Protein backbone atom coordinates (compact mmCIF):
# COMPACT_ATOMS: atom_id res chain seq x y z
CA MET A 1 87.31 76.04 53.06
CA ILE A 2 90.72 74.86 53.68
CA LYS A 3 92.27 78.15 52.86
CA LYS A 4 90.03 79.85 55.53
CA ILE A 5 91.01 77.26 58.18
CA PHE A 6 94.77 77.54 57.30
CA LEU A 7 94.30 81.45 57.56
CA LEU A 8 92.52 81.09 60.84
CA ILE A 9 95.25 78.77 62.23
CA ALA A 10 97.97 81.10 61.14
CA LEU A 11 96.28 84.22 62.44
CA SER A 12 95.67 82.45 65.94
CA LEU A 13 99.44 81.32 66.08
CA ASN A 14 100.45 84.98 65.24
CA ILE A 15 98.38 86.38 67.95
CA ALA A 16 99.60 83.72 70.38
CA CYS A 17 103.15 84.39 69.58
CA SER A 18 102.98 88.01 69.91
CA THR A 19 101.04 87.87 73.01
CA SER A 20 103.53 85.60 74.72
CA LYS A 21 106.46 87.72 73.33
CA ASN A 22 105.05 90.92 74.81
CA GLU A 23 104.16 89.04 78.04
CA ASP A 24 107.74 89.42 79.37
CA VAL A 25 107.96 93.06 78.42
CA LEU A 26 107.54 95.51 81.27
CA ASP A 27 105.21 98.42 80.79
CA LYS A 28 106.48 101.81 79.87
CA ASN A 29 106.19 103.33 83.13
CA THR A 30 107.85 100.53 85.07
CA TYR A 31 110.59 100.33 82.52
CA LYS A 32 111.20 104.11 82.75
CA LYS A 33 111.50 103.92 86.56
CA ILE A 34 113.87 100.92 86.20
CA LEU A 35 115.94 102.60 83.53
CA LYS A 36 116.20 105.78 85.46
CA GLU A 37 117.51 103.85 88.53
CA ALA A 38 119.82 101.77 86.34
CA ILE A 39 121.37 105.08 85.07
CA LEU A 40 121.93 106.23 88.52
CA ALA A 41 123.35 102.85 89.50
CA ASP A 42 125.71 102.99 86.64
CA ILE A 43 126.88 106.59 87.62
CA LEU A 44 127.26 105.22 91.21
CA SER A 45 129.25 102.19 90.14
CA SER A 46 131.67 104.38 88.11
CA ASP A 47 131.95 106.65 91.04
CA SER A 48 132.48 103.89 93.56
CA ASP A 49 135.90 103.01 91.89
CA LYS A 50 137.16 106.40 92.64
CA LYS A 51 135.98 106.21 96.35
CA ASN A 52 137.18 102.78 96.89
CA LEU A 53 133.75 101.44 97.70
CA SER A 54 133.17 97.61 98.02
CA ASP A 55 132.51 95.94 94.80
CA LYS A 56 128.65 96.17 94.83
CA ASN A 57 126.62 95.55 91.90
CA PHE A 58 124.12 98.37 92.10
CA LEU A 59 122.26 97.25 89.15
CA SER A 60 121.37 93.98 90.96
CA LEU A 61 119.99 96.10 93.75
CA VAL A 62 117.39 97.79 91.28
CA TYR A 63 116.58 94.33 89.89
CA ASN A 64 115.75 93.22 93.32
CA LYS A 65 113.72 96.30 94.25
CA TYR A 66 111.44 95.65 91.23
CA ASN A 67 111.71 91.98 91.35
CA ILE A 68 112.91 91.36 87.93
CA ASP A 69 116.12 89.77 86.63
CA SER A 70 118.60 90.85 83.99
CA THR A 71 117.04 88.61 81.28
CA SER A 72 113.63 90.47 81.84
CA PHE A 73 115.35 93.69 81.63
CA LYS A 74 117.21 92.70 78.47
CA LYS A 75 113.92 91.56 76.75
CA THR A 76 112.26 94.77 77.74
CA THR A 77 115.21 96.84 76.48
CA ASP A 78 115.21 94.76 73.15
CA TYR A 79 111.48 95.45 72.78
CA TYR A 80 111.65 99.31 73.25
CA SER A 81 114.88 99.30 70.97
CA ASN A 82 112.74 97.98 68.35
CA HIS A 83 110.00 100.70 68.98
CA PRO A 84 112.36 103.86 69.00
CA GLU A 85 109.47 106.36 69.10
CA ILE A 86 108.41 104.90 72.50
CA LEU A 87 112.02 104.66 73.75
CA GLU A 88 112.60 108.39 72.62
CA GLU A 89 109.71 109.28 74.83
CA ILE A 90 111.02 107.35 77.84
CA TYR A 91 114.47 109.02 77.62
CA ALA A 92 113.00 112.35 77.24
CA GLU A 93 110.89 111.83 80.34
CA ILE A 94 113.90 110.73 82.24
CA GLU A 95 116.05 113.58 81.09
CA LYS A 96 113.15 116.08 82.23
CA GLU A 97 113.02 114.46 85.56
CA PHE A 98 116.81 114.67 86.12
CA LYS A 99 116.84 118.36 84.91
CA GLN A 100 114.00 119.08 87.34
CA LYS A 101 115.94 117.49 90.21
CA LEU A 102 119.18 119.23 89.34
CA ASP A 103 117.33 122.63 89.10
CA SER A 104 115.77 122.04 92.64
CA LEU A 105 119.27 121.30 93.95
CA GLU A 106 120.90 124.44 92.56
CA PRO A 107 120.88 127.62 94.75
CA ASN A 108 119.12 130.78 93.33
CA SER A 109 120.93 132.36 90.53
CA THR A 110 120.38 135.78 91.84
CA PRO A 111 121.93 136.37 95.12
CA LYS A 112 120.33 138.60 97.62
CA PRO A 113 122.10 142.01 97.96
CA LYS A 114 124.37 142.44 100.94
CA THR A 115 123.38 145.17 103.39
CA GLU A 116 126.10 146.83 105.42
CA LYS A 117 125.62 149.10 108.33
CA ILE A 118 127.81 152.10 109.03
CA LYS A 119 127.68 153.73 112.24
CA ILE A 120 127.68 157.54 112.12
CA GLY A 121 127.42 158.85 115.49
CA LYS A 122 124.38 157.24 117.13
CA LYS A 123 122.71 156.25 113.92
CA ASP A 124 123.05 153.32 111.71
CA ILE A 125 122.92 153.86 108.05
CA LYS A 126 122.23 150.83 105.82
CA ILE A 127 124.01 150.53 102.61
CA LYS A 128 123.02 148.37 99.90
C-alpha cells in the first residue's frame, strides 16, 4: 500500500514538473515565426553596421511584437534543442519560406526575345 502511495506521489510530481516546464515553451508555429524574424533581425543588425544605422536592437523589436522576453525565447530554444527532430522541421520550413520569397523576387530566368524593326521602303520588317 505504501509503495502504491509513493508511486502515485512520484507520478503526480513528475507530471506537475513536466507540465510547468513546458508551460513556458512557445508552440512550434509561434516559435517558427519568431525564429524566422530573429534571423532577419540578426541579418539586419549585421547590415546596419555597414550602413551606419543607429544602434537598434532589432531582436528586441521582435520580442515586443510577440510579447515575449529573451528568457522565454531562450527557454523555448533550449526545449527545441533537446528535441532536434522538431527543431529540424522548423528550420526546414523556414528555409523553404525564405527560398519561396527569394524565388518570387528574382526576375524570370528566360528573358523575352527582343524584336527589332527594320524599315525597308514603306514596310516595317520585324526581326527576332
